[in-house]
C-alpha atoms as a PDB file:
ATOM      1  CA  MET A   1       0.079   0.276   0.358  1.00  0.00           C
ATOM      2  CA  GLY A   2       3.344   2.153   0.201  1.00  0.00           C
ATOM      3  CA  SER A   3       3.310   3.092   3.830  1.00  0.00           C
ATOM      4  CA  ARG A   4       4.104   1.079   6.734  1.00  0.00           C
ATOM      5  CA  GLU A   5       1.017   3.349   8.812  1.00  0.00           C
ATOM      6  CA  GLU A   6      -1.344   2.372   6.113  1.00  0.00           C
ATOM      7  CA  ASP A   7      -0.735  -1.124   5.607  1.00  0.00           C
ATOM      8  CA  PHE A   8      -1.344  -1.536   9.759  1.00  0.00           C
ATOM      9  CA  ALA A   9      -4.488   0.992   9.202  1.00  0.00           C
ATOM     10  CA  TYR A  10      -5.780  -1.717   5.988  1.00  0.00           C
ATOM     11  CA  ALA A  11      -5.065  -4.760   8.307  1.00  0.00           C
ATOM     12  CA  MET A  12      -6.937  -3.347  11.469  1.00  0.00           C
ATOM     13  CA  GLN A  13      -9.846  -3.054   9.129  1.00  0.00           C
ATOM     14  CA  LEU A  14      -9.477  -6.257   7.507  1.00  0.00           C
ATOM     15  CA  VAL A  15      -9.369  -7.084  11.719  1.00  0.00           C
ATOM     16  CA  THR A  16     -12.696  -5.223  12.637  1.00  0.00           C
ATOM     17  CA  SER A  17     -14.314  -6.002   9.322  1.00  0.00           C
ATOM     18  CA  THR A  18     -17.196  -7.632  11.309  1.00  0.00           C
ATOM     19  CA  SER A  19     -18.429  -3.978  12.307  1.00  0.00           C
ATOM     20  CA  LEU A  20     -19.459  -2.905   8.990  1.00  0.00           C
ATOM     21  CA  THR A  21     -20.901  -6.467   8.452  1.00  0.00           C
ATOM     22  CA  MET A  22     -23.353  -6.352  11.280  1.00  0.00           C
ATOM     23  CA  VAL A  23     -24.018  -2.632  11.208  1.00  0.00           C
ATOM     24  CA  LEU A  24     -25.489  -2.899   7.221  1.00  0.00           C
ATOM     25  CA  VAL A  25     -27.622  -5.988   8.719  1.00  0.00           C
ATOM     26  CA  THR A  26     -28.986  -4.112  11.502  1.00  0.00           C
ATOM     27  CA  ALA A  27     -29.561  -0.937   9.073  1.00  0.00           C
ATOM     28  CA  ILE A  28     -31.541  -3.424   7.003  1.00  0.00           C
ATOM     29  CA  LYS A  29     -33.556  -4.429  10.178  1.00  0.00           C
ATOM     30  CA  LEU A  30     -34.230  -0.806  11.231  1.00  0.00           C
ATOM     31  CA  LYS A  31     -35.518   0.007   7.476  1.00  0.00           C
ATOM     32  CA  VAL A  32     -33.206   3.158   7.301  1.00  0.00           C
ATOM     33  CA  PHE A  33     -32.464   2.857   4.059  1.00  0.00           C
ATOM     34  CA  GLU A  34     -36.326   2.776   2.875  1.00  0.00           C
ATOM     35  CA  THR A  35     -36.462   6.100   5.129  1.00  0.00           C
ATOM     36  CA  ILE A  36     -33.922   7.961   3.553  1.00  0.00           C
ATOM     37  CA  ALA A  37     -35.661   6.706   0.015  1.00  0.00           C
ATOM     38  CA  GLU A  38     -39.225   7.689   1.367  1.00  0.00           C
ATOM     39  CA  ALA A  39     -38.040  11.490   2.112  1.00  0.00           C
ATOM     40  CA  GLY A  40     -37.161  11.698  -1.702  1.00  0.00           C
ATOM     41  CA  PRO A  41     -34.947  11.157  -4.017  1.00  0.00           C
ATOM     42  CA  SER A  42     -32.359  13.184  -3.224  1.00  0.00           C
ATOM     43  CA  ALA A  43     -32.696  13.746   0.457  1.00  0.00           C
ATOM     44  CA  GLN A  44     -30.232  13.950   2.770  1.00  0.00           C
ATOM     45  CA  LEU A  45     -31.574  13.207   6.388  1.00  0.00           C
ATOM     46  CA  SER A  46     -29.884  13.565   9.840  1.00  0.00           C
ATOM     47  CA  ALA A  47     -29.899  11.125  12.285  1.00  0.00           C
ATOM     48  CA  HIS A  48     -32.048  12.785  14.527  1.00  0.00           C
ATOM     49  CA  GLU A  49     -34.516  12.701  11.483  1.00  0.00           C
ATOM     50  CA  ILE A  50     -34.513   9.300  11.023  1.00  0.00           C
ATOM     51  CA  VAL A  51     -34.979   8.040  14.466  1.00  0.00           C
ATOM     52  CA  SER A  52     -38.143  10.678  14.425  1.00  0.00           C
ATOM     53  CA  ARG A  53     -39.326   8.990  11.385  1.00  0.00           C
ATOM     54  CA  LEU A  54     -39.114   5.474  12.583  1.00  0.00           C
ATOM     55  CA  SER A  55     -40.704   6.497  16.241  1.00  0.00           C
ATOM     56  CA  ILE A  56     -37.636   4.583  17.982  1.00  0.00           C
ATOM     57  CA  THR A  57     -38.099   6.160  22.048  1.00  0.00           C
ATOM     58  CA  ASN A  58     -34.863   5.432  22.937  1.00  0.00           C
ATOM     59  CA  PRO A  59     -33.102   8.742  23.681  1.00  0.00           C
ATOM     60  CA  SER A  60     -29.752   7.684  22.573  1.00  0.00           C
ATOM     61  CA  ALA A  61     -30.848   6.243  19.143  1.00  0.00           C
ATOM     62  CA  HIS A  62     -29.763   9.058  17.477  1.00  0.00           C
ATOM     63  CA  GLN A  63     -26.047   8.876  18.304  1.00  0.00           C
ATOM     64  CA  MET A  64     -25.803   5.063  17.442  1.00  0.00           C
ATOM     65  CA  LEU A  65     -27.562   5.503  14.205  1.00  0.00           C
ATOM     66  CA  ASP A  66     -25.333   8.120  13.311  1.00  0.00           C
ATOM     67  CA  ARG A  67     -21.809   6.577  14.174  1.00  0.00           C
ATOM     68  CA  MET A  68     -23.227   3.556  12.389  1.00  0.00           C
ATOM     69  CA  PHE A  69     -24.195   5.833   9.335  1.00  0.00           C
ATOM     70  CA  ARG A  70     -20.056   7.044   9.340  1.00  0.00           C
ATOM     71  CA  LEU A  71     -19.079   3.992   9.120  1.00  0.00           C
ATOM     72  CA  LEU A  72     -21.431   3.277   5.660  1.00  0.00           C
ATOM     73  CA  ALA A  73     -20.400   6.480   4.501  1.00  0.00           C
ATOM     74  CA  SER A  74     -16.142   5.286   4.725  1.00  0.00           C
ATOM     75  CA  TYR A  75     -17.579   2.313   2.536  1.00  0.00           C
ATOM     76  CA  SER A  76     -19.952   4.455  -0.215  1.00  0.00           C
ATOM     77  CA  VAL A  77     -22.624   3.133   1.541  1.00  0.00           C
ATOM     78  CA  VAL A  78     -24.257   6.257   2.099  1.00  0.00           C
ATOM     79  CA  THR A  79     -23.517  10.188   1.481  1.00  0.00           C
ATOM     80  CA  CYS A  80     -22.595  12.040   4.626  1.00  0.00           C
ATOM     81  CA  ASN A  81     -22.477  15.991   4.241  1.00  0.00           C
ATOM     82  CA  GLN A  82     -23.100  19.074   6.819  1.00  0.00           C
ATOM     83  CA  ARG A  83     -26.226  20.977   7.064  1.00  0.00           C
ATOM     84  CA  ASP A  84     -26.125  24.448   8.937  1.00  0.00           C
ATOM     85  CA  HIS A  85     -28.301  23.589  12.350  1.00  0.00           C
ATOM     86  CA  GLU A  86     -29.453  26.545  15.158  1.00  0.00           C
ATOM     87  CA  LEU A  87     -27.447  23.870  17.431  1.00  0.00           C
ATOM     88  CA  GLY A  88     -24.254  23.795  15.236  1.00  0.00           C
ATOM     89  CA  LEU A  89     -23.535  21.924  12.280  1.00  0.00           C
ATOM     90  CA  VAL A  90     -25.019  18.520  11.857  1.00  0.00           C
ATOM     91  CA  ARG A  91     -24.028  15.062   9.805  1.00  0.00           C
ATOM     92  CA  VAL A  92     -27.006  14.200   7.099  1.00  0.00           C
ATOM     93  CA  TYR A  93     -27.081  11.381   5.006  1.00  0.00           C
ATOM     94  CA  GLY A  94     -28.322  10.320   1.653  1.00  0.00           C
ATOM     95  CA  LEU A  95     -28.412   7.042  -0.811  1.00  0.00           C
ATOM     96  CA  THR A  96     -25.613   5.779  -3.315  1.00  0.00           C
ATOM     97  CA  SER A  97     -26.289   4.123  -6.103  1.00  0.00           C
ATOM     98  CA  VAL A  98     -24.945   1.109  -3.814  1.00  0.00           C
ATOM     99  CA  ALA A  99     -28.051   1.513  -1.035  1.00  0.00           C
ATOM    100  CA  LYS A 100     -30.545   1.723  -3.542  1.00  0.00           C
ATOM    101  CA  TYR A 101     -29.495  -2.599  -3.842  1.00  0.00           C
ATOM    102  CA  PHE A 102     -31.009  -2.694  -0.029  1.00  0.00           C
ATOM    103  CA  ILE A 103     -34.147  -1.280  -1.246  1.00  0.00           C
ATOM    104  CA  PRO A 104     -37.184  -2.937  -2.836  1.00  0.00           C
ATOM    105  CA  ASN A 105     -36.834  -2.206  -6.190  1.00  0.00           C
ATOM    106  CA  LYS A 106     -40.082  -1.914  -8.711  1.00  0.00           C
ATOM    107  CA  ASP A 107     -40.301  -5.961  -8.339  1.00  0.00           C
ATOM    108  CA  GLY A 108     -40.485  -5.770  -4.866  1.00  0.00           C
ATOM    109  CA  VAL A 109     -36.953  -7.254  -4.293  1.00  0.00           C
ATOM    110  CA  SER A 110     -33.920  -6.195  -3.047  1.00  0.00           C
ATOM    111  CA  LEU A 111     -30.320  -7.839  -1.411  1.00  0.00           C
ATOM    112  CA  CYS A 112     -31.769  -7.384   2.257  1.00  0.00           C
ATOM    113  CA  PRO A 113     -33.291 -10.915   2.379  1.00  0.00           C
ATOM    114  CA  VAL A 114     -29.715 -12.361   0.829  1.00  0.00           C
ATOM    115  CA  MET A 115     -27.996 -10.472   3.311  1.00  0.00           C
ATOM    116  CA  GLU A 116     -30.050 -11.671   6.244  1.00  0.00           C
ATOM    117  CA  LEU A 117     -29.604 -14.876   5.494  1.00  0.00           C
ATOM    118  CA  LEU A 118     -25.913 -15.375   4.903  1.00  0.00           C
ATOM    119  CA  GLN A 119     -25.834 -13.325   8.469  1.00  0.00           C
ATOM    120  CA  ASP A 120     -28.353 -16.566   9.783  1.00  0.00           C
ATOM    121  CA  LYS A 121     -27.362 -18.517  12.724  1.00  0.00           C
ATOM    122  CA  VAL A 122     -27.327 -21.500  10.649  1.00  0.00           C
ATOM    123  CA  PHE A 123     -25.254 -20.207   8.659  1.00  0.00           C
ATOM    124  CA  ILE A 124     -22.503 -17.773  10.511  1.00  0.00           C
ATOM    125  CA  GLU A 125     -21.806 -21.174  12.997  1.00  0.00           C
ATOM    126  CA  SER A 126     -20.473 -23.359  10.206  1.00  0.00           C
ATOM    127  CA  TRP A 127     -17.616 -20.824  10.090  1.00  0.00           C
ATOM    128  CA  PHE A 128     -16.377 -22.043  13.417  1.00  0.00           C
ATOM    129  CA  LYS A 129     -15.725 -25.341  11.589  1.00  0.00           C
ATOM    130  CA  LEU A 130     -14.144 -24.245   8.911  1.00  0.00           C
ATOM    131  CA  LYS A 131     -10.270 -24.744  10.817  1.00  0.00           C
ATOM    132  CA  ASP A 132     -11.782 -29.061  11.511  1.00  0.00           C
ATOM    133  CA  ALA A 133     -12.499 -29.125   7.648  1.00  0.00           C
ATOM    134  CA  VAL A 134      -9.574 -28.062   6.802  1.00  0.00           C
ATOM    135  CA  LEU A 135      -7.375 -30.185   9.309  1.00  0.00           C
ATOM    136  CA  GLU A 136     -10.062 -32.856   9.172  1.00  0.00           C
ATOM    137  CA  GLY A 137     -11.603 -33.343   6.042  1.00  0.00           C
ATOM    138  CA  GLY A 138     -15.683 -32.525   5.219  1.00  0.00           C
ATOM    139  CA  ILE A 139     -18.278 -29.977   5.280  1.00  0.00           C
ATOM    140  CA  PRO A 140     -18.112 -27.636   7.970  1.00  0.00           C
ATOM    141  CA  PHE A 141     -21.968 -26.844   7.964  1.00  0.00           C
ATOM    142  CA  ASP A 142     -22.258 -30.694   7.812  1.00  0.00           C
ATOM    143  CA  LYS A 143     -19.865 -30.928  11.033  1.00  0.00           C
ATOM    144  CA  VAL A 144     -22.212 -28.364  13.040  1.00  0.00           C
ATOM    145  CA  HIS A 145     -25.755 -29.800  11.971  1.00  0.00           C
ATOM    146  CA  GLY A 146     -25.045 -32.972  10.861  1.00  0.00           C
ATOM    147  CA  THR A 147     -26.235 -32.722   7.501  1.00  0.00           C
ATOM    148  CA  HIS A 148     -26.362 -31.262   4.300  1.00  0.00           C
ATOM    149  CA  ALA A 149     -27.165 -27.706   3.952  1.00  0.00           C
ATOM    150  CA  PHE A 150     -30.450 -29.217   0.983  1.00  0.00           C
ATOM    151  CA  GLU A 151     -30.960 -31.838   3.852  1.00  0.00           C
ATOM    152  CA  TYR A 152     -31.147 -28.981   6.579  1.00  0.00           C
ATOM    153  CA  SER A 153     -33.581 -27.143   4.703  1.00  0.00           C
ATOM    154  CA  ALA A 154     -36.400 -29.449   5.143  1.00  0.00           C
ATOM    155  CA  LEU A 155     -36.008 -29.569   8.836  1.00  0.00           C
ATOM    156  CA  ASP A 156     -35.919 -26.138  10.025  1.00  0.00           C
ATOM    157  CA  ALA A 157     -38.932 -23.871   8.302  1.00  0.00           C
ATOM    158  CA  ARG A 158     -37.439 -20.763   9.686  1.00  0.00           C
ATOM    159  CA  PHE A 159     -34.506 -21.509   7.893  1.00  0.00           C
ATOM    160  CA  ASN A 160     -36.283 -22.679   4.898  1.00  0.00           C
ATOM    161  CA  GLU A 161     -38.524 -19.417   4.119  1.00  0.00           C
ATOM    162  CA  ALA A 162     -35.464 -17.356   4.647  1.00  0.00           C
ATOM    163  CA  PHE A 163     -33.027 -19.708   1.923  1.00  0.00           C
ATOM    164  CA  ASN A 164     -36.295 -19.381  -0.550  1.00  0.00           C
ATOM    165  CA  ASN A 165     -36.714 -15.496   0.589  1.00  0.00           C
ATOM    166  CA  GLY A 166     -33.155 -14.789  -0.006  1.00  0.00           C
ATOM    167  CA  MET A 167     -32.965 -16.656  -3.420  1.00  0.00           C
ATOM    168  CA  LEU A 168     -36.560 -15.090  -4.860  1.00  0.00           C
ATOM    169  CA  ASN A 169     -35.007 -11.777  -4.326  1.00  0.00           C
ATOM    170  CA  PHE A 170     -31.022 -12.617  -5.542  1.00  0.00           C
ATOM    171  CA  THR A 171     -32.899 -14.201  -8.521  1.00  0.00           C
ATOM    172  CA  THR A 172     -34.915 -11.719  -9.369  1.00  0.00           C
ATOM    173  CA  ILE A 173     -32.373  -9.117  -8.960  1.00  0.00           C
ATOM    174  CA  MET A 174     -29.293 -11.336 -11.144  1.00  0.00           C
ATOM    175  CA  MET A 175     -32.358 -12.226 -13.979  1.00  0.00           C
ATOM    176  CA  ASN A 176     -32.989  -8.865 -14.623  1.00  0.00           C
ATOM    177  CA  GLU A 177     -29.266  -8.252 -15.823  1.00  0.00           C
ATOM    178  CA  ILE A 178     -29.342 -11.578 -17.709  1.00  0.00           C
ATOM    179  CA  LEU A 179     -31.778 -11.070 -20.201  1.00  0.00           C
ATOM    180  CA  GLU A 180     -30.469  -7.550 -20.597  1.00  0.00           C
ATOM    181  CA  CYS A 181     -27.213  -9.006 -22.505  1.00  0.00           C
ATOM    182  CA  TYR A 182     -28.429 -12.708 -23.323  1.00  0.00           C
ATOM    183  CA  HIS A 183     -30.516 -13.709 -25.487  1.00  0.00           C
ATOM    184  CA  GLY A 184     -30.976 -17.858 -25.995  1.00  0.00           C
ATOM    185  CA  PHE A 185     -34.296 -17.513 -24.690  1.00  0.00           C
ATOM    186  CA  ASP A 186     -35.489 -16.589 -27.372  1.00  0.00           C
ATOM    187  CA  ASN A 187     -37.799 -18.540 -29.921  1.00  0.00           C
ATOM    188  CA  LEU A 188     -37.685 -21.804 -26.896  1.00  0.00           C
ATOM    189  CA  LYS A 189     -40.908 -23.574 -27.155  1.00  0.00           C
ATOM    190  CA  ARG A 190     -39.994 -25.708 -23.961  1.00  0.00           C
ATOM    191  CA  VAL A 191     -37.388 -24.683 -21.211  1.00  0.00           C
ATOM    192  CA  VAL A 192     -36.387 -26.985 -18.539  1.00  0.00           C
ATOM    193  CA  ASP A 193     -35.364 -24.961 -14.550  1.00  0.00           C
ATOM    194  CA  VAL A 194     -33.122 -27.183 -12.984  1.00  0.00           C
ATOM    195  CA  GLY A 195     -33.591 -26.014  -9.427  1.00  0.00           C
ATOM    196  CA  VAL A 196     -37.473 -24.396 -10.223  1.00  0.00           C
ATOM    197  CA  TYR A 197     -38.443 -20.777  -9.377  1.00  0.00           C
ATOM    198  CA  PRO A 198     -42.231 -19.696  -9.268  1.00  0.00           C
ATOM    199  CA  GLY A 199     -44.195 -19.492 -12.681  1.00  0.00           C
ATOM    200  CA  ILE A 200     -43.146 -22.556 -13.926  1.00  0.00           C
ATOM    201  CA  GLU A 201     -44.868 -26.020 -14.152  1.00  0.00           C
ATOM    202  CA  TYR A 202     -43.068 -28.528 -11.378  1.00  0.00           C
ATOM    203  CA  ILE A 203     -41.761 -32.079 -12.360  1.00  0.00           C
ATOM    204  CA  GLY A 204     -40.964 -33.834  -8.954  1.00  0.00           C
ATOM    205  CA  GLY A 205     -37.601 -35.739  -9.445  1.00  0.00           C
ATOM    206  CA  ASP A 206     -33.718 -36.618  -8.764  1.00  0.00           C
ATOM    207  CA  MET A 207     -31.948 -34.492 -10.962  1.00  0.00           C
ATOM    208  CA  PHE A 208     -29.380 -36.772 -10.512  1.00  0.00           C
ATOM    209  CA  GLU A 209     -31.054 -39.516 -11.758  1.00  0.00           C
ATOM    210  CA  GLU A 210     -33.050 -37.703 -14.578  1.00  0.00           C
ATOM    211  CA  VAL A 211     -34.015 -34.231 -16.042  1.00  0.00           C
ATOM    212  CA  PRO A 212     -36.795 -33.796 -17.892  1.00  0.00           C
ATOM    213  CA  GLN A 213     -37.146 -33.013 -21.507  1.00  0.00           C
ATOM    214  CA  GLY A 214     -37.315 -29.697 -23.260  1.00  0.00           C
ATOM    215  CA  ASP A 215     -35.491 -27.522 -25.958  1.00  0.00           C
ATOM    216  CA  ALA A 216     -33.382 -25.781 -23.463  1.00  0.00           C
ATOM    217  CA  ILE A 217     -32.040 -26.749 -19.539  1.00  0.00           C
ATOM    218  CA  PHE A 218     -31.217 -24.045 -17.268  1.00  0.00           C
ATOM    219  CA  MET A 219     -29.812 -23.853 -14.467  1.00  0.00           C
ATOM    220  CA  LYS A 220     -28.262 -21.097 -12.401  1.00  0.00           C
ATOM    221  CA  TRP A 221     -26.357 -21.307  -9.585  1.00  0.00           C
ATOM    222  CA  ILE A 222     -27.042 -25.486  -8.619  1.00  0.00           C
ATOM    223  CA  LEU A 223     -23.535 -26.244  -9.781  1.00  0.00           C
ATOM    224  CA  HIS A 224     -21.735 -23.975  -7.779  1.00  0.00           C
ATOM    225  CA  ASP A 225     -23.584 -25.791  -5.150  1.00  0.00           C
ATOM    226  CA  TRP A 226     -21.809 -29.444  -5.867  1.00  0.00           C
ATOM    227  CA  SER A 227     -18.745 -31.309  -6.418  1.00  0.00           C
ATOM    228  CA  ASP A 228     -17.514 -32.129  -9.893  1.00  0.00           C
ATOM    229  CA  ASP A 229     -18.588 -35.805  -9.549  1.00  0.00           C
ATOM    230  CA  HIS A 230     -22.184 -34.551  -8.871  1.00  0.00           C
ATOM    231  CA  CYS A 231     -21.890 -32.015 -11.449  1.00  0.00           C
ATOM    232  CA  ALA A 232     -20.817 -34.473 -14.459  1.00  0.00           C
ATOM    233  CA  LYS A 233     -23.753 -36.813 -13.210  1.00  0.00           C
ATOM    234  CA  LEU A 234     -26.530 -33.428 -13.743  1.00  0.00           C
ATOM    235  CA  LEU A 235     -24.769 -32.846 -17.095  1.00  0.00           C
ATOM    236  CA  LYS A 236     -25.040 -36.239 -18.952  1.00  0.00           C
ATOM    237  CA  ASN A 237     -28.383 -36.473 -17.491  1.00  0.00           C
ATOM    238  CA  CYS A 238     -29.204 -32.956 -18.994  1.00  0.00           C
ATOM    239  CA  TYR A 239     -27.216 -34.124 -22.751  1.00  0.00           C
ATOM    240  CA  LYS A 240     -29.532 -37.185 -22.880  1.00  0.00           C
ATOM    241  CA  ALA A 241     -32.305 -34.459 -22.165  1.00  0.00           C
ATOM    242  CA  LEU A 242     -31.876 -32.530 -24.905  1.00  0.00           C
ATOM    243  CA  PRO A 243     -32.704 -32.580 -28.854  1.00  0.00           C
ATOM    244  CA  ASN A 244     -29.128 -33.064 -30.934  1.00  0.00           C
ATOM    245  CA  ASP A 245     -30.352 -29.290 -31.355  1.00  0.00           C
ATOM    246  CA  GLY A 246     -30.949 -28.660 -28.260  1.00  0.00           C
ATOM    247  CA  LYS A 247     -28.712 -26.474 -25.463  1.00  0.00           C
ATOM    248  CA  VAL A 248     -27.941 -26.071 -21.645  1.00  0.00           C
ATOM    249  CA  ILE A 249     -27.720 -22.470 -20.274  1.00  0.00           C
ATOM    250  CA  ILE A 250     -25.792 -22.178 -17.078  1.00  0.00           C
ATOM    251  CA  VAL A 251     -25.634 -18.967 -15.278  1.00  0.00           C
ATOM    252  CA  GLU A 252     -22.338 -19.236 -12.420  1.00  0.00           C
ATOM    253  CA  TYR A 253     -19.638 -16.950 -11.333  1.00  0.00           C
ATOM    254  CA  ILE A 254     -16.155 -17.524 -12.892  1.00  0.00           C
ATOM    255  CA  LEU A 255     -12.970 -17.441 -10.744  1.00  0.00           C
ATOM    256  CA  PRO A 256      -9.892 -16.383 -12.772  1.00  0.00           C
ATOM    257  CA  PHE A 257      -6.614 -18.029 -12.724  1.00  0.00           C
ATOM    258  CA  LEU A 258      -5.116 -15.286 -10.929  1.00  0.00           C
ATOM    259  CA  SER A 259      -7.129 -12.892  -8.368  1.00  0.00           C
ATOM    260  CA  ASN A 260      -6.767  -9.522  -8.297  1.00  0.00           C
ATOM    261  CA  THR A 261      -8.478  -7.187  -6.533  1.00  0.00           C
ATOM    262  CA  SER A 262     -11.417  -6.130  -8.863  1.00  0.00           C
ATOM    263  CA  SER A 263     -14.728  -5.839  -6.901  1.00  0.00           C
ATOM    264  CA  PHE A 264     -15.718  -8.899  -9.423  1.00  0.00           C
ATOM    265  CA  ASP A 265     -12.693 -10.685  -7.931  1.00  0.00           C
ATOM    266  CA  LYS A 266     -13.350 -10.495  -4.770  1.00  0.00           C
ATOM    267  CA  LEU A 267     -17.008 -11.025  -4.878  1.00  0.00           C
ATOM    268  CA  THR A 268     -16.370 -14.406  -6.737  1.00  0.00           C
ATOM    269  CA  THR A 269     -13.861 -15.528  -4.301  1.00  0.00           C
ATOM    270  CA  HIS A 270     -16.263 -14.409  -1.276  1.00  0.00           C
ATOM    271  CA  MET A 271     -18.856 -16.724  -3.212  1.00  0.00           C
ATOM    272  CA  ASP A 272     -16.316 -19.492  -3.374  1.00  0.00           C
ATOM    273  CA  ALA A 273     -15.261 -19.315   0.394  1.00  0.00           C
ATOM    274  CA  ILE A 274     -19.335 -19.791   1.186  1.00  0.00           C
ATOM    275  CA  MET A 275     -19.888 -22.662  -1.517  1.00  0.00           C
ATOM    276  CA  MET A 276     -16.996 -24.139   0.900  1.00  0.00           C
ATOM    277  CA  THR A 277     -18.178 -23.813   3.900  1.00  0.00           C
ATOM    278  CA  GLN A 278     -21.921 -24.439   3.506  1.00  0.00           C
ATOM    279  CA  ASN A 279     -22.378 -26.811   0.638  1.00  0.00           C
ATOM    280  CA  PRO A 280     -21.546 -30.641  -0.136  1.00  0.00           C
ATOM    281  CA  GLY A 281     -18.815 -30.094  -2.184  1.00  0.00           C
ATOM    282  CA  GLY A 282     -19.811 -27.309  -3.570  1.00  0.00           C
ATOM    283  CA  LYS A 283     -17.522 -24.654  -5.355  1.00  0.00           C
ATOM    284  CA  GLU A 284     -16.666 -21.494  -7.621  1.00  0.00           C
ATOM    285  CA  ARG A 285     -15.249 -22.876 -11.123  1.00  0.00           C
ATOM    286  CA  MET A 286     -12.378 -21.214 -13.711  1.00  0.00           C
ATOM    287  CA  GLU A 287     -13.450 -20.766 -17.067  1.00  0.00           C
ATOM    288  CA  ASP A 288     -11.713 -24.512 -17.920  1.00  0.00           C
ATOM    289  CA  GLU A 289     -12.969 -26.419 -15.079  1.00  0.00           C
ATOM    290  CA  PHE A 290     -16.553 -25.933 -16.834  1.00  0.00           C
ATOM    291  CA  LEU A 291     -15.036 -26.916 -20.073  1.00  0.00           C
ATOM    292  CA  VAL A 292     -13.946 -30.203 -18.472  1.00  0.00           C
ATOM    293  CA  LEU A 293     -16.922 -30.952 -17.242  1.00  0.00           C
ATOM    294  CA  ALA A 294     -18.918 -30.062 -20.646  1.00  0.00           C
ATOM    295  CA  LYS A 295     -17.049 -32.024 -22.991  1.00  0.00           C
ATOM    296  CA  GLY A 296     -16.643 -34.930 -20.363  1.00  0.00           C
ATOM    297  CA  ALA A 297     -20.378 -35.084 -20.636  1.00  0.00           C
ATOM    298  CA  GLY A 298     -20.833 -35.126 -24.621  1.00  0.00           C
ATOM    299  CA  PHE A 299     -20.802 -30.911 -25.256  1.00  0.00           C
ATOM    300  CA  GLU A 300     -17.920 -31.097 -27.661  1.00  0.00           C
ATOM    301  CA  LYS A 301     -18.849 -27.960 -29.766  1.00  0.00           C
ATOM    302  CA  ASN A 302     -20.208 -24.369 -29.059  1.00  0.00           C
ATOM    303  CA  VAL A 303     -19.579 -23.891 -25.612  1.00  0.00           C
ATOM    304  CA  VAL A 304     -20.050 -20.172 -25.374  1.00  0.00           C
ATOM    305  CA  PHE A 305     -19.034 -18.210 -22.264  1.00  0.00           C
ATOM    306  CA  VAL A 306     -21.295 -14.596 -22.536  1.00  0.00           C
ATOM    307  CA  THR A 307     -20.090 -12.336 -19.093  1.00  0.00           C
ATOM    308  CA  CYS A 308     -23.479 -10.261 -18.215  1.00  0.00           C
ATOM    309  CA  MET A 309     -21.441  -8.530 -14.758  1.00  0.00           C
END
């Protein structure tokens, strides 16, 4: 970074990074971003004004919110400016383009349920077994809960609801982005969605045994949940279910061979760590790894990668 002082400051930023996560989760639960948005498209509110709009009675709440917002402003989640007040200058906060992802959009979805899901105690407890998994093998989630994540959802109705709500919100946001840059769904008569979401006919079964027939098979964030062996079985079943001119449409993150400091690489490596900790053999993959899986399943030609984000 250039100097010992800067290196130490960055090291301490990493050490204290839990602060950002928990402050953001709390801001989401308090609906402070929605409160600012409701005040107008360019609104800037003080902590006092936000507390008043939220009808919070704790006399110290405005001081706590102000401290939380200063942290969020340092990460460009909100803006921070000053305004004259009869008692002196006060800080006022507005929304950045990033903060708008934490407010329900025109489709009624946001990243808030995703954030709450990833900070759910069911997931958080798994991280404490990561060291044991490195030393002994196994999946951290399984070590804590005695079963893998997809089986656990059937045992915990509260977590199952949180999981499905998080995935629904995330999927709706991401599919809007995907449909803007990928037009491979045009003219398809029957698309098989492996994993299923609302708005389609549900066909029961085990995707590792058989996949229903269709003109195309769509899989979004399915392969990253599973090991290479599981993915090989699934893709071979997809190949069998498709006509000669059929195709599989796969939506996944792609890891670079060498890590870098871009926002996209940080996101992908974050997701890879989550898959490693929570899912049975799950991982993000490099482009070459997808090619090996595709060719092994019979997809020898016309493997095309489209970057949407």
